Amino acid sequence: MPNSPQDPSAGNRIIVRCAHFETTPALQTAAEEKATRLFRHEEHIIRARFDLEHDRTRNPDHAFVAKGHLEIRGSALIASAESNEPLTALDALMDKLDALLRKRSSAAKDKRHHLHGVEIPSELPKVE
C-alpha cells in the first residue's frame, strides 16, 4: 500500500512548489529527504506541502521564503522561514516544523498523563 500512514516515502504525501523560479530535481529531492524527519516524528501526517518563493523586491538576505503546511489530525501546522538561499530557507522551515511537532506531541502526552477530574457546578440527582 503506497499511501498507507506507515509509509513515509509515499510520493503524493509531500508536495513541493516553487514560485518565481524553477523547481530542480535536486531541490525536490532535498525537500523530500528533509521531510522524512517530520514523518518519523509523527506518523499521522496526512500531507506536507512546502512552498518556496523568490521575491526579488525584498532584501537579498530574505529573498527566498519557504512556507510549510502540515495537514495532520486536528489543526494543521503552518510555519515560514526566510533566507538568502532556497535550501537554507528550507532547512530553517524544517527546524520550525519539527519544533511545532515536538511541542504538539509533548502537550498531548502531558494531557494524557496528567488527568484531571471534571467539575460539574450543579447538583445531580442520585439514582437509586
N, C-alpha and C. Protein backbone atom coordinates (compact mmCIF):
# COMPACT_ATOMS: atom_id res chain seq x y z
N MET A 1 0.83 -1.17 0.00
CA MET A 1 0.00 0.00 0.00
C MET A 1 0.89 1.25 0.00
N PRO A 2 1.03 1.93 -1.11
CA PRO A 2 1.92 3.08 -1.15
C PRO A 2 1.39 4.29 -0.39
N ASN A 3 0.09 4.38 -0.10
CA ASN A 3 -0.45 5.55 0.57
C ASN A 3 -0.81 5.29 2.02
N SER A 4 -0.33 4.22 2.60
CA SER A 4 -0.66 3.93 3.99
C SER A 4 0.07 4.91 4.91
N PRO A 5 -0.47 5.19 6.10
CA PRO A 5 0.16 6.15 7.01
C PRO A 5 1.53 5.71 7.48
N GLN A 6 1.83 4.42 7.44
CA GLN A 6 3.12 3.94 7.90
C GLN A 6 4.19 4.05 6.82
N ASP A 7 3.83 4.44 5.62
CA ASP A 7 4.79 4.53 4.53
C ASP A 7 5.20 5.99 4.33
N PRO A 8 6.31 6.44 4.97
CA PRO A 8 6.69 7.84 4.85
C PRO A 8 7.23 8.22 3.48
N SER A 9 7.52 7.24 2.65
CA SER A 9 8.09 7.55 1.34
C SER A 9 7.01 7.72 0.27
N ALA A 10 5.75 7.77 0.67
CA ALA A 10 4.68 7.94 -0.30
C ALA A 10 4.83 9.29 -0.97
N GLY A 11 5.01 9.28 -2.28
CA GLY A 11 5.32 10.49 -3.02
C GLY A 11 4.22 11.53 -3.01
N ASN A 12 2.96 11.11 -2.96
CA ASN A 12 1.89 12.08 -3.01
C ASN A 12 1.62 12.72 -1.65
N ARG A 13 2.36 12.37 -0.63
CA ARG A 13 2.20 12.99 0.68
C ARG A 13 3.09 14.20 0.84
N ILE A 14 4.05 14.40 -0.05
CA ILE A 14 4.96 15.54 0.01
C ILE A 14 4.80 16.34 -1.29
N ILE A 15 4.42 17.60 -1.14
CA ILE A 15 4.22 18.47 -2.30
C ILE A 15 5.21 19.63 -2.17
N VAL A 16 6.00 19.84 -3.21
CA VAL A 16 6.96 20.95 -3.24
C VAL A 16 6.61 21.83 -4.42
N ARG A 17 6.36 23.12 -4.13
CA ARG A 17 6.03 24.06 -5.19
C ARG A 17 6.96 25.25 -5.10
N CYS A 18 7.30 25.80 -6.24
CA CYS A 18 8.17 26.98 -6.29
C CYS A 18 7.46 28.08 -7.06
N ALA A 19 7.63 29.30 -6.56
CA ALA A 19 7.06 30.47 -7.23
C ALA A 19 8.20 31.40 -7.63
N HIS A 20 8.19 31.81 -8.87
CA HIS A 20 9.14 32.76 -9.44
C HIS A 20 10.54 32.18 -9.66
N PHE A 21 10.67 30.88 -9.59
CA PHE A 21 11.89 30.21 -10.03
C PHE A 21 11.55 28.74 -10.25
N GLU A 22 12.40 28.05 -11.00
CA GLU A 22 12.12 26.68 -11.40
C GLU A 22 12.46 25.68 -10.28
N THR A 23 11.63 24.66 -10.17
CA THR A 23 11.90 23.57 -9.25
C THR A 23 12.91 22.63 -9.90
N THR A 24 14.03 22.41 -9.26
CA THR A 24 15.03 21.49 -9.80
C THR A 24 14.85 20.14 -9.14
N PRO A 25 15.26 19.07 -9.82
CA PRO A 25 15.17 17.75 -9.19
C PRO A 25 15.97 17.68 -7.89
N ALA A 26 17.10 18.40 -7.81
CA ALA A 26 17.90 18.39 -6.58
C ALA A 26 17.13 19.05 -5.43
N LEU A 27 16.43 20.14 -5.73
CA LEU A 27 15.64 20.81 -4.70
C LEU A 27 14.48 19.94 -4.25
N GLN A 28 13.83 19.27 -5.19
CA GLN A 28 12.73 18.36 -4.87
C GLN A 28 13.21 17.22 -3.99
N THR A 29 14.35 16.64 -4.35
CA THR A 29 14.91 15.52 -3.57
C THR A 29 15.32 15.98 -2.18
N ALA A 30 15.93 17.16 -2.08
CA ALA A 30 16.35 17.68 -0.78
C ALA A 30 15.14 17.91 0.13
N ALA A 31 14.06 18.45 -0.43
CA ALA A 31 12.85 18.69 0.37
C ALA A 31 12.25 17.38 0.85
N GLU A 32 12.23 16.37 -0.02
CA GLU A 32 11.67 15.08 0.38
C GLU A 32 12.53 14.41 1.45
N GLU A 33 13.85 14.51 1.33
CA GLU A 33 14.73 13.92 2.34
C GLU A 33 14.57 14.61 3.69
N LYS A 34 14.45 15.94 3.68
CA LYS A 34 14.29 16.67 4.92
C LYS A 34 12.92 16.41 5.55
N ALA A 35 11.92 16.18 4.71
CA ALA A 35 10.57 15.94 5.22
C ALA A 35 10.44 14.57 5.88
N THR A 36 11.31 13.64 5.53
CA THR A 36 11.22 12.32 6.17
C THR A 36 11.45 12.42 7.67
N ARG A 37 12.22 13.42 8.11
CA ARG A 37 12.42 13.64 9.55
C ARG A 37 11.09 13.95 10.23
N LEU A 38 10.25 14.74 9.56
CA LEU A 38 8.94 15.08 10.12
C LEU A 38 8.05 13.85 10.20
N PHE A 39 8.11 13.00 9.16
CA PHE A 39 7.28 11.80 9.15
C PHE A 39 7.74 10.79 10.19
N ARG A 40 9.02 10.82 10.55
CA ARG A 40 9.50 9.93 11.61
C ARG A 40 8.92 10.34 12.96
N HIS A 41 8.78 11.66 13.18
CA HIS A 41 8.26 12.14 14.47
C HIS A 41 6.77 11.92 14.61
N GLU A 42 6.05 12.06 13.53
CA GLU A 42 4.59 11.98 13.59
C GLU A 42 4.09 11.14 12.42
N GLU A 43 3.48 10.01 12.74
CA GLU A 43 3.02 9.11 11.67
C GLU A 43 1.65 9.48 11.13
N HIS A 44 0.97 10.42 11.79
CA HIS A 44 -0.38 10.77 11.37
C HIS A 44 -0.42 11.99 10.45
N ILE A 45 0.71 12.36 9.87
CA ILE A 45 0.71 13.45 8.91
C ILE A 45 0.03 12.97 7.63
N ILE A 46 -0.97 13.69 7.21
CA ILE A 46 -1.71 13.32 6.01
C ILE A 46 -0.95 13.80 4.77
N ARG A 47 -0.53 15.07 4.81
CA ARG A 47 0.14 15.65 3.65
C ARG A 47 1.04 16.78 4.12
N ALA A 48 2.18 16.93 3.48
CA ALA A 48 3.10 18.03 3.76
C ALA A 48 3.29 18.83 2.49
N ARG A 49 3.03 20.13 2.58
CA ARG A 49 3.18 21.00 1.41
C ARG A 49 4.21 22.07 1.73
N PHE A 50 5.19 22.23 0.85
CA PHE A 50 6.24 23.21 1.02
C PHE A 50 6.23 24.14 -0.18
N ASP A 51 6.07 25.43 0.08
CA ASP A 51 6.06 26.43 -0.97
C ASP A 51 7.32 27.28 -0.84
N LEU A 52 8.11 27.32 -1.90
CA LEU A 52 9.32 28.15 -1.94
C LEU A 52 9.07 29.30 -2.89
N GLU A 53 9.34 30.51 -2.43
CA GLU A 53 9.06 31.69 -3.23
C GLU A 53 10.29 32.58 -3.29
N HIS A 54 10.57 33.08 -4.48
CA HIS A 54 11.69 34.00 -4.65
C HIS A 54 11.11 35.38 -4.95
N ASP A 55 11.38 36.33 -4.05
CA ASP A 55 10.87 37.68 -4.20
C ASP A 55 12.05 38.63 -4.40
N ARG A 56 12.21 39.12 -5.61
CA ARG A 56 13.36 39.98 -5.93
C ARG A 56 13.23 41.38 -5.36
N THR A 57 12.04 41.76 -4.91
CA THR A 57 11.85 43.10 -4.37
C THR A 57 12.26 43.20 -2.91
N ARG A 58 12.48 42.08 -2.26
CA ARG A 58 12.85 42.08 -0.84
C ARG A 58 14.35 42.25 -0.67
N ASN A 59 14.73 42.42 0.55
CA ASN A 59 16.14 42.47 0.92
C ASN A 59 16.80 41.17 0.45
N PRO A 60 17.99 41.21 -0.15
CA PRO A 60 18.62 39.98 -0.64
C PRO A 60 18.88 38.93 0.44
N ASP A 61 18.98 39.36 1.70
CA ASP A 61 19.16 38.39 2.78
C ASP A 61 17.88 37.61 3.07
N HIS A 62 16.74 38.11 2.61
CA HIS A 62 15.46 37.45 2.85
C HIS A 62 14.70 37.25 1.53
N ALA A 63 15.43 37.02 0.45
CA ALA A 63 14.80 36.91 -0.86
C ALA A 63 14.01 35.63 -1.04
N PHE A 64 14.40 34.55 -0.37
CA PHE A 64 13.70 33.28 -0.50
C PHE A 64 12.86 33.03 0.75
N VAL A 65 11.58 32.74 0.53
CA VAL A 65 10.66 32.46 1.62
C VAL A 65 10.17 31.03 1.45
N ALA A 66 10.31 30.24 2.50
CA ALA A 66 9.81 28.86 2.50
C ALA A 66 8.63 28.79 3.45
N LYS A 67 7.51 28.29 2.95
CA LYS A 67 6.30 28.15 3.77
C LYS A 67 5.95 26.67 3.82
N GLY A 68 5.60 26.21 5.00
CA GLY A 68 5.24 24.81 5.18
C GLY A 68 3.86 24.66 5.77
N HIS A 69 3.14 23.67 5.29
CA HIS A 69 1.79 23.40 5.75
C HIS A 69 1.68 21.89 5.97
N LEU A 70 1.54 21.48 7.22
CA LEU A 70 1.39 20.06 7.54
C LEU A 70 -0.07 19.78 7.85
N GLU A 71 -0.69 18.94 7.05
CA GLU A 71 -2.05 18.51 7.32
C GLU A 71 -1.96 17.29 8.22
N ILE A 72 -2.56 17.40 9.38
CA ILE A 72 -2.42 16.40 10.42
C ILE A 72 -3.75 16.30 11.14
N ARG A 73 -3.96 15.22 11.89
CA ARG A 73 -5.19 15.12 12.67
C ARG A 73 -5.28 16.32 13.60
N GLY A 74 -6.43 16.92 13.66
CA GLY A 74 -6.58 18.13 14.45
C GLY A 74 -6.26 19.34 13.60
N SER A 75 -5.72 20.36 14.23
CA SER A 75 -5.42 21.58 13.48
C SER A 75 -4.11 21.42 12.70
N ALA A 76 -4.05 22.06 11.56
CA ALA A 76 -2.86 21.99 10.71
C ALA A 76 -1.74 22.82 11.31
N LEU A 77 -0.50 22.46 11.00
CA LEU A 77 0.66 23.19 11.46
C LEU A 77 1.21 23.99 10.29
N ILE A 78 1.42 25.29 10.51
CA ILE A 78 1.88 26.18 9.45
C ILE A 78 3.07 26.97 9.97
N ALA A 79 4.11 27.07 9.15
CA ALA A 79 5.30 27.84 9.52
C ALA A 79 5.93 28.42 8.27
N SER A 80 6.79 29.43 8.47
CA SER A 80 7.51 30.01 7.34
C SER A 80 8.89 30.44 7.81
N ALA A 81 9.82 30.51 6.85
CA ALA A 81 11.19 30.92 7.14
C ALA A 81 11.73 31.67 5.93
N GLU A 82 12.66 32.59 6.19
CA GLU A 82 13.25 33.41 5.13
C GLU A 82 14.76 33.25 5.15
N SER A 83 15.36 33.33 3.95
CA SER A 83 16.81 33.24 3.85
C SER A 83 17.25 33.76 2.50
N ASN A 84 18.58 33.75 2.29
CA ASN A 84 19.10 34.20 1.01
C ASN A 84 19.28 33.05 0.01
N GLU A 85 19.12 31.82 0.45
CA GLU A 85 19.21 30.63 -0.41
C GLU A 85 17.99 29.76 -0.18
N PRO A 86 17.50 29.08 -1.22
CA PRO A 86 16.30 28.25 -1.03
C PRO A 86 16.53 27.07 -0.09
N LEU A 87 17.68 26.43 -0.16
CA LEU A 87 17.93 25.29 0.72
C LEU A 87 18.09 25.72 2.18
N THR A 88 18.67 26.88 2.41
CA THR A 88 18.81 27.39 3.77
C THR A 88 17.44 27.72 4.35
N ALA A 89 16.58 28.33 3.53
CA ALA A 89 15.22 28.62 3.97
C ALA A 89 14.46 27.34 4.26
N LEU A 90 14.67 26.32 3.43
CA LEU A 90 14.01 25.03 3.63
C LEU A 90 14.49 24.37 4.92
N ASP A 91 15.80 24.45 5.21
CA ASP A 91 16.33 23.91 6.46
C ASP A 91 15.70 24.59 7.67
N ALA A 92 15.64 25.92 7.63
CA ALA A 92 15.05 26.67 8.75
C ALA A 92 13.57 26.32 8.91
N LEU A 93 12.88 26.13 7.80
CA LEU A 93 11.47 25.75 7.85
C LEU A 93 11.29 24.38 8.49
N MET A 94 12.13 23.43 8.11
CA MET A 94 12.03 22.09 8.70
C MET A 94 12.30 22.12 10.20
N ASP A 95 13.24 22.96 10.63
CA ASP A 95 13.51 23.09 12.07
C ASP A 95 12.29 23.64 12.80
N LYS A 96 11.63 24.63 12.21
CA LYS A 96 10.44 25.20 12.84
C LYS A 96 9.30 24.19 12.90
N LEU A 97 9.08 23.48 11.80
CA LEU A 97 8.00 22.48 11.79
C LEU A 97 8.30 21.34 12.75
N ASP A 98 9.57 20.96 12.85
CA ASP A 98 9.97 19.92 13.80
C ASP A 98 9.68 20.37 15.22
N ALA A 99 9.99 21.63 15.55
CA ALA A 99 9.73 22.15 16.88
C ALA A 99 8.22 22.19 17.16
N LEU A 100 7.42 22.56 16.16
CA LEU A 100 5.97 22.57 16.34
C LEU A 100 5.43 21.17 16.59
N LEU A 101 5.95 20.17 15.87
CA LEU A 101 5.52 18.79 16.08
C LEU A 101 5.90 18.30 17.46
N ARG A 102 7.12 18.62 17.91
CA ARG A 102 7.54 18.20 19.25
C ARG A 102 6.69 18.86 20.33
N LYS A 103 6.38 20.14 20.14
CA LYS A 103 5.54 20.86 21.10
C LYS A 103 4.15 20.24 21.16
N ARG A 104 3.61 19.92 20.00
CA ARG A 104 2.28 19.31 19.94
C ARG A 104 2.28 17.93 20.59
N SER A 105 3.33 17.16 20.35
CA SER A 105 3.44 15.82 20.92
C SER A 105 3.58 15.87 22.44
N SER A 106 4.41 16.77 22.94
CA SER A 106 4.60 16.85 24.38
C SER A 106 3.33 17.36 25.07
N ALA A 107 2.58 18.24 24.43
CA ALA A 107 1.32 18.70 25.01
C ALA A 107 0.30 17.56 25.07
N ALA A 108 0.28 16.73 24.04
CA ALA A 108 -0.65 15.59 24.04
C ALA A 108 -0.25 14.58 25.12
N LYS A 109 1.05 14.33 25.28
CA LYS A 109 1.49 13.42 26.33
C LYS A 109 1.18 13.96 27.71
N ASP A 110 1.38 15.26 27.90
CA ASP A 110 1.09 15.88 29.18
C ASP A 110 -0.38 15.77 29.51
N LYS A 111 -1.22 15.99 28.52
CA LYS A 111 -2.66 15.89 28.73
C LYS A 111 -3.06 14.45 29.05
N ARG A 112 -2.42 13.50 28.41
CA ARG A 112 -2.74 12.09 28.61
C ARG A 112 -2.29 11.59 29.98
N HIS A 113 -1.13 12.06 30.47
CA HIS A 113 -0.57 11.54 31.71
C HIS A 113 -0.98 12.32 32.94
N HIS A 114 -1.50 13.50 32.81
CA HIS A 114 -1.92 14.32 33.94
C HIS A 114 -3.41 14.60 33.83
N LEU A 115 -4.17 13.57 34.12
CA LEU A 115 -5.61 13.68 34.03
C LEU A 115 -6.14 14.54 35.17
N HIS A 116 -7.24 15.18 34.94
CA HIS A 116 -7.88 15.95 35.99
C HIS A 116 -9.37 15.64 35.97
N GLY A 117 -9.96 15.71 37.16
CA GLY A 117 -11.38 15.42 37.28
C GLY A 117 -12.22 16.52 36.67
N VAL A 118 -13.42 16.16 36.29
CA VAL A 118 -14.34 17.12 35.71
C VAL A 118 -15.24 17.65 36.82
N GLU A 119 -15.27 18.94 36.98
CA GLU A 119 -16.11 19.58 37.98
C GLU A 119 -17.42 20.02 37.33
N ILE A 120 -18.52 19.54 37.87
CA ILE A 120 -19.84 19.95 37.39
C ILE A 120 -20.42 20.85 38.46
N PRO A 121 -20.74 22.08 38.13
CA PRO A 121 -21.13 23.05 39.15
C PRO A 121 -22.52 22.84 39.76
N SER A 122 -23.34 21.97 39.23
CA SER A 122 -24.69 21.80 39.77
C SER A 122 -24.82 20.46 40.48
N GLU A 123 -25.85 20.37 41.28
CA GLU A 123 -26.14 19.13 41.98
C GLU A 123 -26.85 18.17 41.03
N LEU A 124 -26.42 16.95 41.02
CA LEU A 124 -27.06 15.93 40.20
C LEU A 124 -27.93 15.07 41.08
N PRO A 125 -29.09 14.69 40.59
CA PRO A 125 -29.94 13.81 41.41
C PRO A 125 -29.32 12.43 41.50
N LYS A 126 -29.47 11.81 42.66
CA LYS A 126 -28.93 10.47 42.86
C LYS A 126 -29.91 9.44 42.32
N VAL A 127 -29.37 8.45 41.65
CA VAL A 127 -30.18 7.38 41.08
C VAL A 127 -30.13 6.22 42.05
N GLU A 128 -31.30 5.71 42.44
CA GLU A 128 -31.34 4.57 43.36
C GLU A 128 -31.74 3.31 42.68
